[in-house]
Amino acid sequence: MSLKPWREIATPHKDVLAGTFKQSEFAADITQVVGGTAPAEYQDAEQFFARTYITEGMRLLLISVAQRLAGHRHGLP
């Protein structure tokens, strides 16, 4: 059994395919996000989550943050 190349399974974003991907913009600068100067894909939640793969760890972190903001201190769903 041979594995398919990753490009046959997951299509890269247009900026990666075009070679215009900027490594410096790979991670959000929270200071820029708060200040409103970050690129649009980090400022707009819909754009951000359209481009972001949520890992299990990130999912659990987001749940934990939402629960704490809602006043719950312990446990996960």
PDB file of N, CA and C in Angstrom:
ATOM      1  N   MET A   1       0.841  -1.177   0.000  1.00  0.00           N
ATOM      2  CA  MET A   1       0.000   0.000   0.000  1.00  0.00           C
ATOM      3  C   MET A   1       0.891   1.247   0.000  1.00  0.00           C
ATOM      4  N   SER A   2       0.629   2.164  -0.896  1.00  0.00           N
ATOM      5  CA  SER A   2       1.398   3.407  -0.914  1.00  0.00           C
ATOM      6  C   SER A   2       0.478   4.587  -0.563  1.00  0.00           C
ATOM      7  N   LEU A   3       1.051   5.543   0.076  1.00  0.00           N
ATOM      8  CA  LEU A   3       0.298   6.735   0.461  1.00  0.00           C
ATOM      9  C   LEU A   3       0.268   7.730  -0.683  1.00  0.00           C
ATOM     10  N   LYS A   4      -0.858   8.402  -0.823  1.00  0.00           N
ATOM     11  CA  LYS A   4      -0.971   9.456  -1.832  1.00  0.00           C
ATOM     12  C   LYS A   4      -0.166  10.669  -1.374  1.00  0.00           C
ATOM     13  N   PRO A   5       0.344  11.450  -2.320  1.00  0.00           N
ATOM     14  CA  PRO A   5       1.014  12.703  -1.952  1.00  0.00           C
ATOM     15  C   PRO A   5       0.019  13.616  -1.237  1.00  0.00           C
ATOM     16  N   TRP A   6       0.512  14.393  -0.273  1.00  0.00           N
ATOM     17  CA  TRP A   6      -0.385  15.242   0.518  1.00  0.00           C
ATOM     18  C   TRP A   6      -1.148  16.231  -0.343  1.00  0.00           C
ATOM     19  N   ARG A   7      -0.570  16.674  -1.456  1.00  0.00           N
ATOM     20  CA  ARG A   7      -1.262  17.641  -2.333  1.00  0.00           C
ATOM     21  C   ARG A   7      -2.478  17.034  -3.035  1.00  0.00           C
ATOM     22  N   GLU A   8      -2.544  15.709  -3.094  1.00  0.00           N
ATOM     23  CA  GLU A   8      -3.725  15.053  -3.664  1.00  0.00           C
ATOM     24  C   GLU A   8      -4.835  14.912  -2.627  1.00  0.00           C
ATOM     25  N   ILE A   9      -4.492  15.035  -1.372  1.00  0.00           N
ATOM     26  CA  ILE A   9      -5.460  14.873  -0.291  1.00  0.00           C
ATOM     27  C   ILE A   9      -5.942  16.227   0.219  1.00  0.00           C
ATOM     28  N   ALA A  10      -5.025  17.157   0.402  1.00  0.00           N
ATOM     29  CA  ALA A  10      -5.352  18.487   0.923  1.00  0.00           C
ATOM     30  C   ALA A  10      -4.832  19.534  -0.046  1.00  0.00           C
ATOM     31  N   THR A  11      -5.725  20.303  -0.615  1.00  0.00           N
ATOM     32  CA  THR A  11      -5.320  21.340  -1.557  1.00  0.00           C
ATOM     33  C   THR A  11      -4.822  22.565  -0.796  1.00  0.00           C
ATOM     34  N   PRO A  12      -3.597  22.988  -1.054  1.00  0.00           N
ATOM     35  CA  PRO A  12      -3.060  24.171  -0.368  1.00  0.00           C
ATOM     36  C   PRO A  12      -3.854  25.436  -0.742  1.00  0.00           C
ATOM     37  N   HIS A  13      -3.807  26.441   0.130  1.00  0.00           N
ATOM     38  CA  HIS A  13      -4.436  27.726  -0.160  1.00  0.00           C
ATOM     39  C   HIS A  13      -3.765  28.353  -1.375  1.00  0.00           C
ATOM     40  N   LYS A  14      -4.481  29.263  -2.009  1.00  0.00           N
ATOM     41  CA  LYS A  14      -3.984  29.902  -3.238  1.00  0.00           C
ATOM     42  C   LYS A  14      -2.646  30.596  -3.023  1.00  0.00           C
ATOM     43  N   ASP A  15      -2.453  31.233  -1.855  1.00  0.00           N
ATOM     44  CA  ASP A  15      -1.194  31.932  -1.628  1.00  0.00           C
ATOM     45  C   ASP A  15      -0.011  30.962  -1.571  1.00  0.00           C
ATOM     46  N   VAL A  16      -0.233  29.762  -1.075  1.00  0.00           N
ATOM     47  CA  VAL A  16       0.830  28.752  -1.038  1.00  0.00           C
ATOM     48  C   VAL A  16       1.124  28.266  -2.451  1.00  0.00           C
ATOM     49  N   LEU A  17       0.078  27.970  -3.212  1.00  0.00           N
ATOM     50  CA  LEU A  17       0.256  27.505  -4.591  1.00  0.00           C
ATOM     51  C   LEU A  17       0.932  28.557  -5.461  1.00  0.00           C
ATOM     52  N   ALA A  18       0.590  29.832  -5.231  1.00  0.00           N
ATOM     53  CA  ALA A  18       1.141  30.920  -6.044  1.00  0.00           C
ATOM     54  C   ALA A  18       2.528  31.344  -5.584  1.00  0.00           C
ATOM     55  N   GLY A  19       2.967  30.834  -4.430  1.00  0.00           N
ATOM     56  CA  GLY A  19       4.277  31.223  -3.920  1.00  0.00           C
ATOM     57  C   GLY A  19       4.287  32.590  -3.262  1.00  0.00           C
ATOM     58  N   THR A  20       3.110  33.106  -2.883  1.00  0.00           N
ATOM     59  CA  THR A  20       3.039  34.423  -2.251  1.00  0.00           C
ATOM     60  C   THR A  20       2.823  34.331  -0.748  1.00  0.00           C
ATOM     61  N   PHE A  21       2.872  33.113  -0.203  1.00  0.00           N
ATOM     62  CA  PHE A  21       2.712  32.899   1.226  1.00  0.00           C
ATOM     63  C   PHE A  21       3.834  33.608   1.979  1.00  0.00           C
ATOM     64  N   LYS A  22       3.469  34.328   3.035  1.00  0.00           N
ATOM     65  CA  LYS A  22       4.457  35.056   3.831  1.00  0.00           C
ATOM     66  C   LYS A  22       4.639  34.348   5.166  1.00  0.00           C
ATOM     67  N   GLN A  23       5.810  33.790   5.379  1.00  0.00           N
ATOM     68  CA  GLN A  23       6.087  33.072   6.618  1.00  0.00           C
ATOM     69  C   GLN A  23       5.878  33.962   7.832  1.00  0.00           C
ATOM     70  N   SER A  24       6.173  35.256   7.695  1.00  0.00           N
ATOM     71  CA  SER A  24       6.036  36.178   8.825  1.00  0.00           C
ATOM     72  C   SER A  24       4.579  36.351   9.244  1.00  0.00           C
ATOM     73  N   GLU A  25       3.637  36.007   8.369  1.00  0.00           N
ATOM     74  CA  GLU A  25       2.218  36.137   8.693  1.00  0.00           C
ATOM     75  C   GLU A  25       1.597  34.794   9.060  1.00  0.00           C
ATOM     76  N   PHE A  26       2.425  33.778   9.261  1.00  0.00           N
ATOM     77  CA  PHE A  26       1.917  32.450   9.583  1.00  0.00           C
ATOM     78  C   PHE A  26       1.244  32.430  10.944  1.00  0.00           C
ATOM     79  N   ALA A  27       1.760  33.189  11.883  1.00  0.00           N
ATOM     80  CA  ALA A  27       1.179  33.256  13.226  1.00  0.00           C
ATOM     81  C   ALA A  27       0.723  34.682  13.494  1.00  0.00           C
ATOM     82  N   ALA A  28      -0.425  34.799  14.119  1.00  0.00           N
ATOM     83  CA  ALA A  28      -0.967  36.117  14.419  1.00  0.00           C
ATOM     84  C   ALA A  28      -0.147  36.817  15.494  1.00  0.00           C
ATOM     85  N   ASP A  29       0.066  38.091  15.323  1.00  0.00           N
ATOM     86  CA  ASP A  29       0.669  38.930  16.353  1.00  0.00           C
ATOM     87  C   ASP A  29      -0.500  39.504  17.140  1.00  0.00           C
ATOM     88  N   ILE A  30      -0.692  39.021  18.361  1.00  0.00           N
ATOM     89  CA  ILE A  30      -1.848  39.411  19.161  1.00  0.00           C
ATOM     90  C   ILE A  30      -1.904  40.926  19.366  1.00  0.00           C
ATOM     91  N   THR A  31      -0.743  41.570  19.479  1.00  0.00           N
ATOM     92  CA  THR A  31      -0.708  43.026  19.632  1.00  0.00           C
ATOM     93  C   THR A  31      -1.331  43.695  18.414  1.00  0.00           C
ATOM     94  N   GLN A  32      -1.038  43.181  17.214  1.00  0.00           N
ATOM     95  CA  GLN A  32      -1.627  43.731  15.989  1.00  0.00           C
ATOM     96  C   GLN A  32      -3.121  43.446  15.928  1.00  0.00           C
ATOM     97  N   VAL A  33      -3.528  42.258  16.372  1.00  0.00           N
ATOM     98  CA  VAL A  33      -4.952  41.911  16.364  1.00  0.00           C
ATOM     99  C   VAL A  33      -5.714  42.872  17.265  1.00  0.00           C
ATOM    100  N   VAL A  34      -5.223  43.071  18.487  1.00  0.00           N
ATOM    101  CA  VAL A  34      -5.881  43.968  19.443  1.00  0.00           C
ATOM    102  C   VAL A  34      -5.876  45.406  18.925  1.00  0.00           C
ATOM    103  N   GLY A  35      -4.783  45.806  18.313  1.00  0.00           N
ATOM    104  CA  GLY A  35      -4.660  47.171  17.801  1.00  0.00           C
ATOM    105  C   GLY A  35      -5.360  47.412  16.478  1.00  0.00           C
ATOM    106  N   GLY A  36      -5.886  46.345  15.865  1.00  0.00           N
ATOM    107  CA  GLY A  36      -6.596  46.488  14.601  1.00  0.00           C
ATOM    108  C   GLY A  36      -5.708  46.645  13.387  1.00  0.00           C
ATOM    109  N   THR A  37      -4.421  46.300  13.516  1.00  0.00           N
ATOM    110  CA  THR A  37      -3.499  46.459  12.385  1.00  0.00           C
ATOM    111  C   THR A  37      -3.059  45.133  11.769  1.00  0.00           C
ATOM    112  N   ALA A  38      -3.574  44.020  12.282  1.00  0.00           N
ATOM    113  CA  ALA A  38      -3.218  42.701  11.743  1.00  0.00           C
ATOM    114  C   ALA A  38      -3.864  42.514  10.373  1.00  0.00           C
ATOM    115  N   PRO A  39      -3.305  41.628   9.540  1.00  0.00           N
ATOM    116  CA  PRO A  39      -3.944  41.333   8.253  1.00  0.00           C
ATOM    117  C   PRO A  39      -5.394  40.873   8.457  1.00  0.00           C
ATOM    118  N   ALA A  40      -6.225  41.080   7.455  1.00  0.00           N
ATOM    119  CA  ALA A  40      -7.665  40.794   7.550  1.00  0.00           C
ATOM    120  C   ALA A  40      -7.967  39.371   7.996  1.00  0.00           C
ATOM    121  N   GLU A  41      -7.165  38.400   7.539  1.00  0.00           N
ATOM    122  CA  GLU A  41      -7.457  37.011   7.911  1.00  0.00           C
ATOM    123  C   GLU A  41      -7.267  36.748   9.402  1.00  0.00           C
ATOM    124  N   TYR A  42      -6.601  37.654  10.122  1.00  0.00           N
ATOM    125  CA  TYR A  42      -6.476  37.524  11.574  1.00  0.00           C
ATOM    126  C   TYR A  42      -7.479  38.417  12.298  1.00  0.00           C
ATOM    127  N   GLN A  43      -7.939  39.467  11.663  1.00  0.00           N
ATOM    128  CA  GLN A  43      -8.905  40.389  12.276  1.00  0.00           C
ATOM    129  C   GLN A  43     -10.327  39.849  12.216  1.00  0.00           C
ATOM    130  N   ASP A  44     -10.661  39.169  11.147  1.00  0.00           N
ATOM    131  CA  ASP A  44     -12.028  38.709  10.922  1.00  0.00           C
ATOM    132  C   ASP A  44     -12.129  37.230  11.297  1.00  0.00           C
ATOM    133  N   ALA A  45     -12.958  36.932  12.297  1.00  0.00           N
ATOM    134  CA  ALA A  45     -13.071  35.549  12.795  1.00  0.00           C
ATOM    135  C   ALA A  45     -13.496  34.580  11.699  1.00  0.00           C
ATOM    136  N   GLU A  46     -14.407  34.999  10.831  1.00  0.00           N
ATOM    137  CA  GLU A  46     -14.877  34.114   9.760  1.00  0.00           C
ATOM    138  C   GLU A  46     -13.733  33.760   8.811  1.00  0.00           C
ATOM    139  N   GLN A  47     -12.948  34.761   8.424  1.00  0.00           N
ATOM    140  CA  GLN A  47     -11.789  34.493   7.558  1.00  0.00           C
ATOM    141  C   GLN A  47     -10.755  33.627   8.269  1.00  0.00           C
ATOM    142  N   PHE A  48     -10.511  33.931   9.551  1.00  0.00           N
ATOM    143  CA  PHE A  48      -9.517  33.183  10.304  1.00  0.00           C
ATOM    144  C   PHE A  48      -9.875  31.705  10.372  1.00  0.00           C
ATOM    145  N   PHE A  49     -11.111  31.399  10.761  1.00  0.00           N
ATOM    146  CA  PHE A  49     -11.488  30.002  10.925  1.00  0.00           C
ATOM    147  C   PHE A  49     -11.703  29.288   9.590  1.00  0.00           C
ATOM    148  N   ALA A  50     -11.898  30.035   8.504  1.00  0.00           N
ATOM    149  CA  ALA A  50     -11.976  29.421   7.180  1.00  0.00           C
ATOM    150  C   ALA A  50     -10.596  28.918   6.743  1.00  0.00           C
ATOM    151  N   ARG A  51      -9.536  29.534   7.264  1.00  0.00           N
ATOM    152  CA  ARG A  51      -8.165  29.175   6.885  1.00  0.00           C
ATOM    153  C   ARG A  51      -7.456  28.314   7.921  1.00  0.00           C
ATOM    154  N   THR A  52      -8.078  28.098   9.065  1.00  0.00           N
ATOM    155  CA  THR A  52      -7.407  27.458  10.187  1.00  0.00           C
ATOM    156  C   THR A  52      -7.971  26.071  10.450  1.00  0.00           C
ATOM    157  N   TYR A  53      -7.090  25.093  10.560  1.00  0.00           N
ATOM    158  CA  TYR A  53      -7.504  23.743  10.933  1.00  0.00           C
ATOM    159  C   TYR A  53      -7.473  23.658  12.450  1.00  0.00           C
ATOM    160  N   ILE A  54      -8.601  23.356  13.046  1.00  0.00           N
ATOM    161  CA  ILE A  54      -8.691  23.277  14.494  1.00  0.00           C
ATOM    162  C   ILE A  54      -8.262  21.876  14.951  1.00  0.00           C
ATOM    163  N   THR A  55      -7.123  21.807  15.611  1.00  0.00           N
ATOM    164  CA  THR A  55      -6.637  20.536  16.146  1.00  0.00           C
ATOM    165  C   THR A  55      -7.424  20.187  17.405  1.00  0.00           C
ATOM    166  N   GLU A  56      -7.272  18.968  17.881  1.00  0.00           N
ATOM    167  CA  GLU A  56      -7.955  18.551  19.108  1.00  0.00           C
ATOM    168  C   GLU A  56      -7.520  19.426  20.289  1.00  0.00           C
ATOM    169  N   GLY A  57      -6.238  19.725  20.380  1.00  0.00           N
ATOM    170  CA  GLY A  57      -5.742  20.578  21.454  1.00  0.00           C
ATOM    171  C   GLY A  57      -6.341  21.972  21.397  1.00  0.00           C
ATOM    172  N   MET A  58      -6.416  22.530  20.185  1.00  0.00           N
ATOM    173  CA  MET A  58      -7.004  23.866  20.020  1.00  0.00           C
ATOM    174  C   MET A  58      -8.494  23.832  20.345  1.00  0.00           C
ATOM    175  N   ARG A  59      -9.172  22.771  19.942  1.00  0.00           N
ATOM    176  CA  ARG A  59     -10.603  22.638  20.245  1.00  0.00           C
ATOM    177  C   ARG A  59     -10.832  22.644  21.749  1.00  0.00           C
ATOM    178  N   LEU A  60     -10.018  21.872  22.479  1.00  0.00           N
ATOM    179  CA  LEU A  60     -10.159  21.826  23.933  1.00  0.00           C
ATOM    180  C   LEU A  60      -9.829  23.174  24.576  1.00  0.00           C
ATOM    181  N   LEU A  61      -8.821  23.859  24.049  1.00  0.00           N
ATOM    182  CA  LEU A  61      -8.478  25.179  24.562  1.00  0.00           C
ATOM    183  C   LEU A  61      -9.625  26.161  24.348  1.00  0.00           C
ATOM    184  N   LEU A  62     -10.209  26.159  23.150  1.00  0.00           N
ATOM    185  CA  LEU A  62     -11.323  27.061  22.855  1.00  0.00           C
ATOM    186  C   LEU A  62     -12.521  26.773  23.751  1.00  0.00           C
ATOM    187  N   ILE A  63     -12.798  25.505  23.989  1.00  0.00           N
ATOM    188  CA  ILE A  63     -13.897  25.127  24.891  1.00  0.00           C
ATOM    189  C   ILE A  63     -13.609  25.637  26.294  1.00  0.00           C
ATOM    190  N   SER A  64     -12.390  25.437  26.761  1.00  0.00           N
ATOM    191  CA  SER A  64     -12.002  25.877  28.100  1.00  0.00           C
ATOM    192  C   SER A  64     -12.146  27.395  28.250  1.00  0.00           C
ATOM    193  N   VAL A  65     -11.685  28.136  27.260  1.00  0.00           N
ATOM    194  CA  VAL A  65     -11.788  29.602  27.294  1.00  0.00           C
ATOM    195  C   VAL A  65     -13.248  30.024  27.309  1.00  0.00           C
ATOM    196  N   ALA A  66     -14.068  29.423  26.456  1.00  0.00           N
ATOM    197  CA  ALA A  66     -15.488  29.772  26.406  1.00  0.00           C
ATOM    198  C   ALA A  66     -16.167  29.471  27.739  1.00  0.00           C
ATOM    199  N   GLN A  67     -15.818  28.346  28.351  1.00  0.00           N
ATOM    200  CA  GLN A  67     -16.409  27.995  29.641  1.00  0.00           C
ATOM    201  C   GLN A  67     -15.992  28.980  30.728  1.00  0.00           C
ATOM    202  N   ARG A  68     -14.735  29.374  30.736  1.00  0.00           N
ATOM    203  CA  ARG A  68     -14.278  30.339  31.741  1.00  0.00           C
ATOM    204  C   ARG A  68     -14.948  31.684  31.536  1.00  0.00           C
ATOM    205  N   LEU A  69     -15.099  32.105  30.287  1.00  0.00           N
ATOM    206  CA  LEU A  69     -15.774  33.376  30.013  1.00  0.00           C
ATOM    207  C   LEU A  69     -17.239  33.325  30.437  1.00  0.00           C
ATOM    208  N   ALA A  70     -17.824  32.123  30.391  1.00  0.00           N
ATOM    209  CA  ALA A  70     -19.213  31.947  30.804  1.00  0.00           C
ATOM    210  C   ALA A  70     -19.353  31.749  32.313  1.00  0.00           C
ATOM    211  N   GLY A  71     -18.212  31.769  33.031  1.00  0.00           N
ATOM    212  CA  GLY A  71     -18.258  31.646  34.473  1.00  0.00           C
ATOM    213  C   GLY A  71     -18.078  30.250  35.012  1.00  0.00           C
ATOM    214  N   HIS A  72     -17.820  29.282  34.163  1.00  0.00           N
ATOM    215  CA  HIS A  72     -17.581  27.911  34.603  1.00  0.00           C
ATOM    216  C   HIS A  72     -16.077  27.721  34.787  1.00  0.00           C
ATOM    217  N   ARG A  73     -15.686  27.120  35.888  1.00  0.00           N
ATOM    218  CA  ARG A  73     -14.258  26.997  36.198  1.00  0.00           C
ATOM    219  C   ARG A  73     -13.682  25.619  35.928  1.00  0.00           C
ATOM    220  N   HIS A  74     -14.504  24.554  35.964  1.00  0.00           N
ATOM    221  CA  HIS A  74     -13.946  23.202  35.902  1.00  0.00           C
ATOM    222  C   HIS A  74     -14.598  22.376  34.810  1.00  0.00           C
ATOM    223  N   GLY A  75     -13.844  21.410  34.333  1.00  0.00           N
ATOM    224  CA  GLY A  75     -14.365  20.371  33.448  1.00  0.00           C
ATOM    225  C   GLY A  75     -14.569  20.794  32.019  1.00  0.00           C
ATOM    226  N   LEU A  76     -14.637  19.786  31.186  1.00  0.00           N
ATOM    227  CA  LEU A  76     -14.916  19.960  29.768  1.00  0.00           C
ATOM    228  C   LEU A  76     -16.198  19.226  29.452  1.00  0.00           C
ATOM    229  N   PRO A  77     -16.855  19.595  28.380  1.00  0.00           N
ATOM    230  CA  PRO A  77     -18.134  18.909  28.050  1.00  0.00           C
ATOM    231  C   PRO A  77     -17.961  17.434  27.775  1.00  0.00           C
TER     232      PRO A  77
END
